[in-house]
C-alpha atoms as a PDB file:
ATOM      1  CA  UNK A   1      -0.121  -0.280  -0.040  1.00  0.00           C
ATOM      2  CA  UNK A   2       1.376   3.351  -0.996  1.00  0.00           C
ATOM      3  CA  UNK A   3       1.105   6.462   0.904  1.00  0.00           C
ATOM      4  CA  UNK A   4      -1.211   8.175  -1.721  1.00  0.00           C
ATOM      5  CA  UNK A   5      -3.970   5.371  -1.106  1.00  0.00           C
ATOM      6  CA  UNK A   6      -6.627   6.288   1.373  1.00  0.00           C
ATOM      7  CA  UNK A   7      -6.776   3.890   4.018  1.00  0.00           C
ATOM      8  CA  UNK A   8     -10.265   2.697   5.475  1.00  0.00           C
ATOM      9  CA  UNK A   9     -10.272   5.353   8.432  1.00  0.00           C
ATOM     10  CA  UNK A  10      -9.199   8.119   5.805  1.00  0.00           C
ATOM     11  CA  UNK A  11     -12.403   8.721   3.432  1.00  0.00           C
ATOM     12  CA  UNK A  12     -12.713  12.054   1.798  1.00  0.00           C
ATOM     13  CA  UNK A  13     -15.777  14.087   1.318  1.00  0.00           C
ATOM     14  CA  UNK A  14     -15.918  12.884  -2.487  1.00  0.00           C
ATOM     15  CA  UNK A  15     -16.049   9.164  -1.277  1.00  0.00           C
ATOM     16  CA  UNK A  16     -19.262  10.041   0.837  1.00  0.00           C
ATOM     17  CA  UNK A  17     -21.977  12.210  -0.585  1.00  0.00           C
ATOM     18  CA  UNK A  18     -24.627  13.466   1.812  1.00  0.00           C
ATOM     19  CA  UNK A  19     -28.279  13.050   1.076  1.00  0.00           C
ATOM     20  CA  UNK A  20     -28.747  16.675   0.364  1.00  0.00           C
ATOM     21  CA  UNK A  21     -26.825  16.076  -3.088  1.00  0.00           C
ATOM     22  CA  UNK A  22     -30.078  14.253  -4.043  1.00  0.00           C
ATOM     23  CA  UNK A  23     -32.486  17.002  -5.238  1.00  0.00           C
ATOM     24  CA  UNK A  24     -35.959  16.505  -3.902  1.00  0.00           C
ATOM     25  CA  UNK A  25     -38.697  15.833  -6.341  1.00  0.00           C
ATOM     26  CA  UNK A  26     -41.366  18.691  -5.980  1.00  0.00           C
ATOM     27  CA  UNK A  27     -44.679  17.264  -4.586  1.00  0.00           C
ATOM     28  CA  UNK A  28     -43.186  13.738  -4.240  1.00  0.00           C
ATOM     29  CA  UNK A  29     -44.231  13.415  -0.638  1.00  0.00           C
ATOM     30  CA  UNK A  30     -47.610  14.802  -1.039  1.00  0.00           C
ATOM     31  CA  UNK A  31     -48.420  12.341  -3.902  1.00  0.00           C
ATOM     32  CA  UNK A  32     -47.338   9.599  -1.773  1.00  0.00           C
ATOM     33  CA  UNK A  33     -49.334  10.676   0.939  1.00  0.00           C
ATOM     34  CA  UNK A  34     -52.397  10.946  -1.373  1.00  0.00           C
ATOM     35  CA  UNK A  35     -51.883   7.618  -2.467  1.00  0.00           C
ATOM     36  CA  UNK A  36     -51.500   6.190   0.858  1.00  0.00           C
ATOM     37  CA  UNK A  37     -54.856   7.875   1.899  1.00  0.00           C
ATOM     38  CA  UNK A  38     -56.698   6.558  -1.218  1.00  0.00           C
ATOM     39  CA  UNK A  39     -55.098   2.848  -0.291  1.00  0.00           C
ATOM     40  CA  UNK A  40     -56.527   3.415   3.275  1.00  0.00           C
ATOM     41  CA  UNK A  41     -60.122   4.395   2.201  1.00  0.00           C
ATOM     42  CA  UNK A  42     -60.002   1.433  -0.273  1.00  0.00           C
ATOM     43  CA  UNK A  43     -58.855  -0.954   2.198  1.00  0.00           C
ATOM     44  CA  UNK A  44     -61.561   0.296   4.644  1.00  0.00           C
ATOM     45  CA  UNK A  45     -64.050  -0.167   2.008  1.00  0.00           C
ATOM     46  CA  UNK A  46     -62.814  -3.768   1.107  1.00  0.00           C
ATOM     47  CA  UNK A  47     -63.001  -4.672   5.025  1.00  0.00           C
ATOM     48  CA  UNK A  48     -66.351  -3.424   5.237  1.00  0.00           C
ATOM     49  CA  UNK A  49     -67.510  -5.544   2.093  1.00  0.00           C
ATOM     50  CA  UNK A  50     -65.721  -8.683   3.716  1.00  0.00           C
ATOM     51  CA  UNK A  51     -67.533  -8.128   7.133  1.00  0.00           C
ATOM     52  CA  UNK A  52     -70.895  -7.811   5.192  1.00  0.00           C
ATOM     53  CA  UNK A  53     -70.306 -10.873   3.114  1.00  0.00           C
ATOM     54  CA  UNK A  54     -69.310 -12.733   6.036  1.00  0.00           C
ATOM     55  CA  UNK A  55     -72.381 -11.882   7.897  1.00  0.00           C
ATOM     56  CA  UNK A  56     -74.506 -13.023   4.853  1.00  0.00           C
ATOM     57  CA  UNK A  57     -72.546 -16.265   4.748  1.00  0.00           C
ATOM     58  CA  UNK A  58     -73.144 -16.739   8.486  1.00  0.00           C
ATOM     59  CA  UNK A  59     -77.122 -16.131   7.830  1.00  0.00           C
ATOM     60  CA  UNK A  60     -76.915 -18.691   4.956  1.00  0.00           C
ATOM     61  CA  UNK A  61     -75.123 -21.202   6.857  1.00  0.00           C
ATOM     62  CA  UNK A  62     -77.764 -20.707   9.712  1.00  0.00           C
ATOM     63  CA  UNK A  63     -80.569 -21.258   7.227  1.00  0.00           C
ATOM     64  CA  UNK A  64     -79.115 -24.164   5.874  1.00  0.00           C
ATOM     65  CA  UNK A  65     -78.537 -25.909   9.172  1.00  0.00           C
ATOM     66  CA  UNK A  66     -82.353 -25.060   9.953  1.00  0.00           C
ATOM     67  CA  UNK A  67     -83.366 -26.846   6.566  1.00  0.00           C
ATOM     68  CA  UNK A  68     -81.044 -29.690   7.462  1.00  0.00           C
ATOM     69  CA  UNK A  69     -82.756 -30.115  11.001  1.00  0.00           C
ATOM     70  CA  UNK A  70     -86.103 -29.890   9.698  1.00  0.00           C
ATOM     71  CA  UNK A  71     -85.325 -32.627   6.939  1.00  0.00           C
ATOM     72  CA  UNK A  72     -83.878 -34.823   9.735  1.00  0.00           C
ATOM     73  CA  UNK A  73     -87.053 -34.389  11.843  1.00  0.00           C
ATOM     74  CA  UNK A  74     -89.264 -35.099   8.833  1.00  0.00           C
ATOM     75  CA  UNK A  75     -87.466 -38.221   7.594  1.00  0.00           C
ATOM     76  CA  UNK A  76     -87.848 -39.586  11.257  1.00  0.00           C
ATOM     77  CA  UNK A  77     -91.481 -38.981  11.377  1.00  0.00           C
ATOM     78  CA  UNK A  78     -94.191 -41.702  10.478  1.00  0.00           C
ATOM     79  CA  UNK A  79     -95.753 -39.679   7.629  1.00  0.00           C
ATOM     80  CA  UNK A  80     -92.648 -39.351   5.799  1.00  0.00           C
ATOM     81  CA  UNK A  81     -92.196 -43.004   5.805  1.00  0.00           C
ATOM     82  CA  UNK A  82     -95.581 -43.863   4.750  1.00  0.00           C
ATOM     83  CA  UNK A  83     -95.787 -41.448   2.011  1.00  0.00           C
ATOM     84  CA  UNK A  84     -92.461 -42.373   0.660  1.00  0.00           C
ATOM     85  CA  UNK A  85     -93.791 -44.701  -2.121  1.00  0.00           C
ATOM     86  CA  UNK A  86     -96.078 -41.915  -3.131  1.00  0.00           C
ATOM     87  CA  UNK A  87     -93.088 -39.636  -3.700  1.00  0.00           C
ATOM     88  CA  UNK A  88     -91.211 -42.031  -5.559  1.00  0.00           C
ATOM     89  CA  UNK A  89     -94.437 -42.672  -8.101  1.00  0.00           C
ATOM     90  CA  UNK A  90     -94.385 -38.877  -8.307  1.00  0.00           C
ATOM     91  CA  UNK A  91     -91.012 -38.751  -9.565  1.00  0.00           C
ATOM     92  CA  UNK A  92     -91.243 -41.639 -12.003  1.00  0.00           C
ATOM     93  CA  UNK A  93     -94.658 -40.280 -13.594  1.00  0.00           C
ATOM     94  CA  UNK A  94     -94.253 -37.269 -15.802  1.00  0.00           C
ATOM     95  CA  UNK A  95     -96.590 -34.501 -14.994  1.00  0.00           C
ATOM     96  CA  UNK A  96     -99.088 -33.498 -17.594  1.00  0.00           C
ATOM     97  CA  UNK A  97     -98.473 -30.057 -19.371  1.00  0.00           C
ATOM     98  CA  UNK A  98    -100.878 -27.357 -18.374  1.00  0.00           C
ATOM     99  CA  UNK A  99    -103.520 -26.458 -20.970  1.00  0.00           C
END
C-alpha cells in the first residue's frame, strides 16, 4: 500500500456524498401521502365488504342448518315413511302439461 492510497479510516468527502446532493422531487411526498390515503380508503371499503359478506355467509349457514334439521326431523316421522312410495311414483310419472 502506498501513502497516496486512502486507508479505511481516511475517507474524503468525495467518497461520501450527503443526502442533500439528491434533489427532492417537487410534490413527491404529497403524492405518496395522497396515494396512501386512497389506499387506506380502499382498504376500509374492502374490509367493510368482507364483513358484510361474512355476515351473509353466516346467515346462509344458519338457514342451511335449519333446513337440515327440519329434514332430519321429517325423515324420522311416520308420515314421511308412509308417503315415501307416493313420492317415488310422483318422480317416475311425468306431469301432464298445463292447458
